Amino acid sequence: MGESYQIRDQEMPYFLTFQVVGWADVFSRKDYKDFILENLTHCRKEKGLYLFGYVIMTNHIHLVVQ
């Protein structure tokens, strides 16, 4: 993993983007969208993730997290 793609300070918010391989439109399906939302909720409640905002597009996700 390159140095520029590492979270160095866990006290600062970060803007993250995740894309689907081949830019496939998987998040247009409710089941996959719900899976992402359930996991974000779990990480917030159980892992201490601060979620400032998110956007789920059809083939990628944007998060502002700490």
PDB file of N, CA and C in Angstrom:
ATOM      1  N   MET A   1       0.853  -1.177   0.000  1.00  0.00           N
ATOM      2  CA  MET A   1       0.000   0.000   0.000  1.00  0.00           C
ATOM      3  C   MET A   1       0.893   1.233   0.000  1.00  0.00           C
ATOM      4  N   GLY A   2       0.563   2.175  -0.819  1.00  0.00           N
ATOM      5  CA  GLY A   2       1.348   3.394  -0.906  1.00  0.00           C
ATOM      6  C   GLY A   2       1.212   4.256   0.335  1.00  0.00           C
ATOM      7  N   GLU A   3       2.224   5.045   0.590  1.00  0.00           N
ATOM      8  CA  GLU A   3       2.231   5.921   1.761  1.00  0.00           C
ATOM      9  C   GLU A   3       1.081   6.929   1.738  1.00  0.00           C
ATOM     10  N   SER A   4       0.689   7.388   0.563  1.00  0.00           N
ATOM     11  CA  SER A   4      -0.344   8.425   0.487  1.00  0.00           C
ATOM     12  C   SER A   4      -1.742   7.892   0.770  1.00  0.00           C
ATOM     13  N   TYR A   5      -1.905   6.579   0.838  1.00  0.00           N
ATOM     14  CA  TYR A   5      -3.227   5.999   1.061  1.00  0.00           C
ATOM     15  C   TYR A   5      -3.392   5.409   2.448  1.00  0.00           C
ATOM     16  N   GLN A   6      -2.647   5.911   3.417  1.00  0.00           N
ATOM     17  CA  GLN A   6      -2.740   5.403   4.779  1.00  0.00           C
ATOM     18  C   GLN A   6      -3.340   6.462   5.689  1.00  0.00           C
ATOM     19  N   ILE A   7      -4.194   6.017   6.602  1.00  0.00           N
ATOM     20  CA  ILE A   7      -4.748   6.919   7.612  1.00  0.00           C
ATOM     21  C   ILE A   7      -3.712   7.041   8.716  1.00  0.00           C
ATOM     22  N   ARG A   8      -3.228   8.241   8.916  1.00  0.00           N
ATOM     23  CA  ARG A   8      -2.159   8.465   9.880  1.00  0.00           C
ATOM     24  C   ARG A   8      -2.672   8.997  11.214  1.00  0.00           C
ATOM     25  N   ASP A   9      -3.687   9.816  11.188  1.00  0.00           N
ATOM     26  CA  ASP A   9      -4.189  10.458  12.396  1.00  0.00           C
ATOM     27  C   ASP A   9      -5.661  10.095  12.572  1.00  0.00           C
ATOM     28  N   GLN A  10      -5.955   9.218  13.519  1.00  0.00           N
ATOM     29  CA  GLN A  10      -7.330   8.764  13.718  1.00  0.00           C
ATOM     30  C   GLN A  10      -8.208   9.804  14.396  1.00  0.00           C
ATOM     31  N   GLU A  11      -7.644  10.930  14.761  1.00  0.00           N
ATOM     32  CA  GLU A  11      -8.416  12.022  15.357  1.00  0.00           C
ATOM     33  C   GLU A  11      -8.918  13.014  14.306  1.00  0.00           C
ATOM     34  N   MET A  12      -8.535  12.802  13.054  1.00  0.00           N
ATOM     35  CA  MET A  12      -8.931  13.704  11.977  1.00  0.00           C
ATOM     36  C   MET A  12      -9.940  13.009  11.061  1.00  0.00           C
ATOM     37  N   PRO A  13     -10.898  13.754  10.515  1.00  0.00           N
ATOM     38  CA  PRO A  13     -11.808  13.152   9.536  1.00  0.00           C
ATOM     39  C   PRO A  13     -11.105  12.942   8.191  1.00  0.00           C
ATOM     40  N   TYR A  14     -11.559  11.937   7.479  1.00  0.00           N
ATOM     41  CA  TYR A  14     -10.999  11.611   6.164  1.00  0.00           C
ATOM     42  C   TYR A  14     -12.128  11.463   5.154  1.00  0.00           C
ATOM     43  N   PHE A  15     -11.842  11.833   3.921  1.00  0.00           N
ATOM     44  CA  PHE A  15     -12.759  11.620   2.806  1.00  0.00           C
ATOM     45  C   PHE A  15     -12.296  10.355   2.095  1.00  0.00           C
ATOM     46  N   LEU A  16     -13.157   9.343   2.035  1.00  0.00           N
ATOM     47  CA  LEU A  16     -12.823   8.068   1.404  1.00  0.00           C
ATOM     48  C   LEU A  16     -13.764   7.806   0.236  1.00  0.00           C
ATOM     49  N   THR A  17     -13.239   7.189  -0.793  1.00  0.00           N
ATOM     50  CA  THR A  17     -14.042   6.767  -1.934  1.00  0.00           C
ATOM     51  C   THR A  17     -13.730   5.313  -2.219  1.00  0.00           C
ATOM     52  N   PHE A  18     -14.777   4.514  -2.386  1.00  0.00           N
ATOM     53  CA  PHE A  18     -14.641   3.109  -2.753  1.00  0.00           C
ATOM     54  C   PHE A  18     -15.376   2.892  -4.060  1.00  0.00           C
ATOM     55  N   GLN A  19     -14.731   2.238  -4.995  1.00  0.00           N
ATOM     56  CA  GLN A  19     -15.396   1.961  -6.266  1.00  0.00           C
ATOM     57  C   GLN A  19     -15.507   0.457  -6.466  1.00  0.00           C
ATOM     58  N   VAL A  20     -16.492   0.061  -7.216  1.00  0.00           N
ATOM     59  CA  VAL A  20     -16.708  -1.333  -7.561  1.00  0.00           C
ATOM     60  C   VAL A  20     -15.805  -1.675  -8.748  1.00  0.00           C
ATOM     61  N   VAL A  21     -15.221  -2.861  -8.725  1.00  0.00           N
ATOM     62  CA  VAL A  21     -14.359  -3.300  -9.819  1.00  0.00           C
ATOM     63  C   VAL A  21     -15.151  -3.244 -11.123  1.00  0.00           C
ATOM     64  N   GLY A  22     -14.566  -2.625 -12.108  1.00  0.00           N
ATOM     65  CA  GLY A  22     -15.224  -2.491 -13.405  1.00  0.00           C
ATOM     66  C   GLY A  22     -16.375  -1.497 -13.402  1.00  0.00           C
ATOM     67  N   TRP A  23     -16.515  -0.737 -12.327  1.00  0.00           N
ATOM     68  CA  TRP A  23     -17.580   0.256 -12.193  1.00  0.00           C
ATOM     69  C   TRP A  23     -18.975  -0.348 -12.410  1.00  0.00           C
ATOM     70  N   ALA A  24     -19.159  -1.600 -11.988  1.00  0.00           N
ATOM     71  CA  ALA A  24     -20.471  -2.262 -12.127  1.00  0.00           C
ATOM     72  C   ALA A  24     -21.490  -1.578 -11.217  1.00  0.00           C
ATOM     73  N   ASP A  25     -22.718  -1.470 -11.676  1.00  0.00           N
ATOM     74  CA  ASP A  25     -23.791  -0.785 -10.932  1.00  0.00           C
ATOM     75  C   ASP A  25     -24.436  -1.710  -9.897  1.00  0.00           C
ATOM     76  N   VAL A  26     -23.673  -2.118  -8.882  1.00  0.00           N
ATOM     77  CA  VAL A  26     -24.212  -3.049  -7.891  1.00  0.00           C
ATOM     78  C   VAL A  26     -25.075  -2.366  -6.835  1.00  0.00           C
ATOM     79  N   PHE A  27     -24.778  -1.101  -6.519  1.00  0.00           N
ATOM     80  CA  PHE A  27     -25.530  -0.441  -5.452  1.00  0.00           C
ATOM     81  C   PHE A  27     -26.874   0.095  -5.910  1.00  0.00           C
ATOM     82  N   SER A  28     -27.230  -0.165  -7.150  1.00  0.00           N
ATOM     83  CA  SER A  28     -28.590   0.142  -7.580  1.00  0.00           C
ATOM     84  C   SER A  28     -29.561  -0.916  -7.050  1.00  0.00           C
ATOM     85  N   ARG A  29     -29.022  -2.028  -6.552  1.00  0.00           N
ATOM     86  CA  ARG A  29     -29.838  -3.089  -5.938  1.00  0.00           C
ATOM     87  C   ARG A  29     -29.986  -2.814  -4.448  1.00  0.00           C
ATOM     88  N   LYS A  30     -31.222  -2.857  -3.974  1.00  0.00           N
ATOM     89  CA  LYS A  30     -31.526  -2.542  -2.581  1.00  0.00           C
ATOM     90  C   LYS A  30     -30.769  -3.437  -1.602  1.00  0.00           C
ATOM     91  N   ASP A  31     -30.631  -4.716  -1.895  1.00  0.00           N
ATOM     92  CA  ASP A  31     -29.942  -5.641  -0.986  1.00  0.00           C
ATOM     93  C   ASP A  31     -28.499  -5.212  -0.729  1.00  0.00           C
ATOM     94  N   TYR A  32     -27.799  -4.792  -1.760  1.00  0.00           N
ATOM     95  CA  TYR A  32     -26.400  -4.392  -1.602  1.00  0.00           C
ATOM     96  C   TYR A  32     -26.285  -3.053  -0.880  1.00  0.00           C
ATOM     97  N   LYS A  33     -27.207  -2.139  -1.180  1.00  0.00           N
ATOM     98  CA  LYS A  33     -27.226  -0.859  -0.478  1.00  0.00           C
ATOM     99  C   LYS A  33     -27.482  -1.072   1.014  1.00  0.00           C
ATOM    100  N   ASP A  34     -28.456  -1.924   1.318  1.00  0.00           N
ATOM    101  CA  ASP A  34     -28.774  -2.223   2.715  1.00  0.00           C
ATOM    102  C   ASP A  34     -27.603  -2.877   3.435  1.00  0.00           C
ATOM    103  N   PHE A  35     -26.866  -3.737   2.739  1.00  0.00           N
ATOM    104  CA  PHE A  35     -25.696  -4.385   3.320  1.00  0.00           C
ATOM    105  C   PHE A  35     -24.663  -3.340   3.743  1.00  0.00           C
ATOM    106  N   ILE A  36     -24.404  -2.361   2.889  1.00  0.00           N
ATOM    107  CA  ILE A  36     -23.459  -1.293   3.213  1.00  0.00           C
ATOM    108  C   ILE A  36     -23.949  -0.493   4.412  1.00  0.00           C
ATOM    109  N   LEU A  37     -25.227  -0.137   4.422  1.00  0.00           N
ATOM    110  CA  LEU A  37     -25.780   0.647   5.528  1.00  0.00           C
ATOM    111  C   LEU A  37     -25.729  -0.117   6.843  1.00  0.00           C
ATOM    112  N   GLU A  38     -26.020  -1.410   6.820  1.00  0.00           N
ATOM    113  CA  GLU A  38     -25.945  -2.230   8.034  1.00  0.00           C
ATOM    114  C   GLU A  38     -24.521  -2.262   8.577  1.00  0.00           C
ATOM    115  N   ASN A  39     -23.549  -2.381   7.689  1.00  0.00           N
ATOM    116  CA  ASN A  39     -22.158  -2.430   8.124  1.00  0.00           C
ATOM    117  C   ASN A  39     -21.668  -1.077   8.634  1.00  0.00           C
ATOM    118  N   LEU A  40     -22.107   0.004   8.032  1.00  0.00           N
ATOM    119  CA  LEU A  40     -21.753   1.325   8.553  1.00  0.00           C
ATOM    120  C   LEU A  40     -22.350   1.529   9.943  1.00  0.00           C
ATOM    121  N   THR A  41     -23.584   1.089  10.136  1.00  0.00           N
ATOM    122  CA  THR A  41     -24.229   1.180  11.449  1.00  0.00           C
ATOM    123  C   THR A  41     -23.462   0.358  12.478  1.00  0.00           C
ATOM    124  N   HIS A  42     -23.074  -0.851  12.117  1.00  0.00           N
ATOM    125  CA  HIS A  42     -22.303  -1.703  13.029  1.00  0.00           C
ATOM    126  C   HIS A  42     -20.985  -1.025  13.407  1.00  0.00           C
ATOM    127  N   CYS A  43     -20.279  -0.479  12.439  1.00  0.00           N
ATOM    128  CA  CYS A  43     -19.002   0.173  12.717  1.00  0.00           C
ATOM    129  C   CYS A  43     -19.176   1.403  13.596  1.00  0.00           C
ATOM    130  N   ARG A  44     -20.276   2.122  13.422  1.00  0.00           N
ATOM    131  CA  ARG A  44     -20.554   3.280  14.281  1.00  0.00           C
ATOM    132  C   ARG A  44     -20.816   2.846  15.708  1.00  0.00           C
ATOM    133  N   LYS A  45     -21.675   1.841  15.888  1.00  0.00           N
ATOM    134  CA  LYS A  45     -22.093   1.425  17.231  1.00  0.00           C
ATOM    135  C   LYS A  45     -21.048   0.596  17.967  1.00  0.00           C
ATOM    136  N   GLU A  46     -20.350  -0.266  17.249  1.00  0.00           N
ATOM    137  CA  GLU A  46     -19.460  -1.231  17.898  1.00  0.00           C
ATOM    138  C   GLU A  46     -17.972  -0.907  17.766  1.00  0.00           C
ATOM    139  N   LYS A  47     -17.591  -0.139  16.776  1.00  0.00           N
ATOM    140  CA  LYS A  47     -16.166   0.074  16.497  1.00  0.00           C
ATOM    141  C   LYS A  47     -15.704   1.513  16.697  1.00  0.00           C
ATOM    142  N   GLY A  48     -16.622   2.403  17.034  1.00  0.00           N
ATOM    143  CA  GLY A  48     -16.229   3.786  17.291  1.00  0.00           C
ATOM    144  C   GLY A  48     -16.042   4.648  16.062  1.00  0.00           C
ATOM    145  N   LEU A  49     -16.593   4.241  14.937  1.00  0.00           N
ATOM    146  CA  LEU A  49     -16.497   5.026  13.711  1.00  0.00           C
ATOM    147  C   LEU A  49     -17.393   6.251  13.816  1.00  0.00           C
ATOM    148  N   TYR A  50     -16.839   7.415  13.522  1.00  0.00           N
ATOM    149  CA  TYR A  50     -17.649   8.625  13.403  1.00  0.00           C
ATOM    150  C   TYR A  50     -17.957   8.809  11.928  1.00  0.00           C
ATOM    151  N   LEU A  51     -19.234   8.844  11.600  1.00  0.00           N
ATOM    152  CA  LEU A  51     -19.670   8.991  10.216  1.00  0.00           C
ATOM    153  C   LEU A  51     -20.290  10.371  10.060  1.00  0.00           C
ATOM    154  N   PHE A  52     -19.571  11.257   9.392  1.00  0.00           N
ATOM    155  CA  PHE A  52     -20.044  12.622   9.208  1.00  0.00           C
ATOM    156  C   PHE A  52     -20.995  12.741   8.024  1.00  0.00           C
ATOM    157  N   GLY A  53     -20.788  11.907   7.026  1.00  0.00           N
ATOM    158  CA  GLY A  53     -21.646  11.936   5.851  1.00  0.00           C
ATOM    159  C   GLY A  53     -21.257  10.846   4.877  1.00  0.00           C
ATOM    160  N   TYR A  54     -22.203  10.481   4.034  1.00  0.00           N
ATOM    161  CA  TYR A  54     -21.927   9.460   3.023  1.00  0.00           C
ATOM    162  C   TYR A  54     -22.857   9.649   1.841  1.00  0.00           C
ATOM    163  N   VAL A  55     -22.408   9.143   0.702  1.00  0.00           N
ATOM    164  CA  VAL A  55     -23.225   9.095  -0.503  1.00  0.00           C
ATOM    165  C   VAL A  55     -22.993   7.728  -1.126  1.00  0.00           C
ATOM    166  N   ILE A  56     -24.068   7.010  -1.367  1.00  0.00           N
ATOM    167  CA  ILE A  56     -23.971   5.726  -2.059  1.00  0.00           C
ATOM    168  C   ILE A  56     -24.476   5.937  -3.480  1.00  0.00           C
ATOM    169  N   MET A  57     -23.545   5.884  -4.422  1.00  0.00           N
ATOM    170  CA  MET A  57     -23.889   5.993  -5.833  1.00  0.00           C
ATOM    171  C   MET A  57     -24.096   4.574  -6.374  1.00  0.00           C
ATOM    172  N   THR A  58     -24.443   4.439  -7.625  1.00  0.00           N
ATOM    173  CA  THR A  58     -24.720   3.104  -8.157  1.00  0.00           C
ATOM    174  C   THR A  58     -23.475   2.227  -8.234  1.00  0.00           C
ATOM    175  N   ASN A  59     -22.286   2.837  -8.366  1.00  0.00           N
ATOM    176  CA  ASN A  59     -21.077   2.034  -8.528  1.00  0.00           C
ATOM    177  C   ASN A  59     -19.901   2.477  -7.652  1.00  0.00           C
ATOM    178  N   HIS A  60     -20.154   3.396  -6.737  1.00  0.00           N
ATOM    179  CA  HIS A  60     -19.115   3.799  -5.798  1.00  0.00           C
ATOM    180  C   HIS A  60     -19.733   4.473  -4.583  1.00  0.00           C
ATOM    181  N   ILE A  61     -18.907   4.642  -3.552  1.00  0.00           N
ATOM    182  CA  ILE A  61     -19.359   5.194  -2.274  1.00  0.00           C
ATOM    183  C   ILE A  61     -18.375   6.287  -1.850  1.00  0.00           C
ATOM    184  N   HIS A  62     -18.905   7.384  -1.330  1.00  0.00           N
ATOM    185  CA  HIS A  62     -18.100   8.432  -0.736  1.00  0.00           C
ATOM    186  C   HIS A  62     -18.434   8.471   0.755  1.00  0.00           C
ATOM    187  N   LEU A  63     -17.407   8.567   1.602  1.00  0.00           N
ATOM    188  CA  LEU A  63     -17.593   8.662   3.054  1.00  0.00           C
ATOM    189  C   LEU A  63     -16.725   9.788   3.602  1.00  0.00           C
ATOM    190  N   VAL A  64     -17.250  10.478   4.615  1.00  0.00           N
ATOM    191  CA  VAL A  64     -16.438  11.354   5.439  1.00  0.00           C
ATOM    192  C   VAL A  64     -16.514  10.746   6.825  1.00  0.00           C
ATOM    193  N   VAL A  65     -15.389  10.178   7.286  1.00  0.00           N
ATOM    194  CA  VAL A  65     -15.368   9.405   8.525  1.00  0.00           C
ATOM    195  C   VAL A  65     -14.168   9.770   9.375  1.00  0.00           C
ATOM    196  N   GLN A  66     -14.293   9.388  10.627  1.00  0.00           N
ATOM    197  CA  GLN A  66     -13.170   9.532  11.580  1.00  0.00           C
ATOM    198  C   GLN A  66     -13.157   8.275  12.424  1.00  0.00           C
TER     199      GLN A  66
END
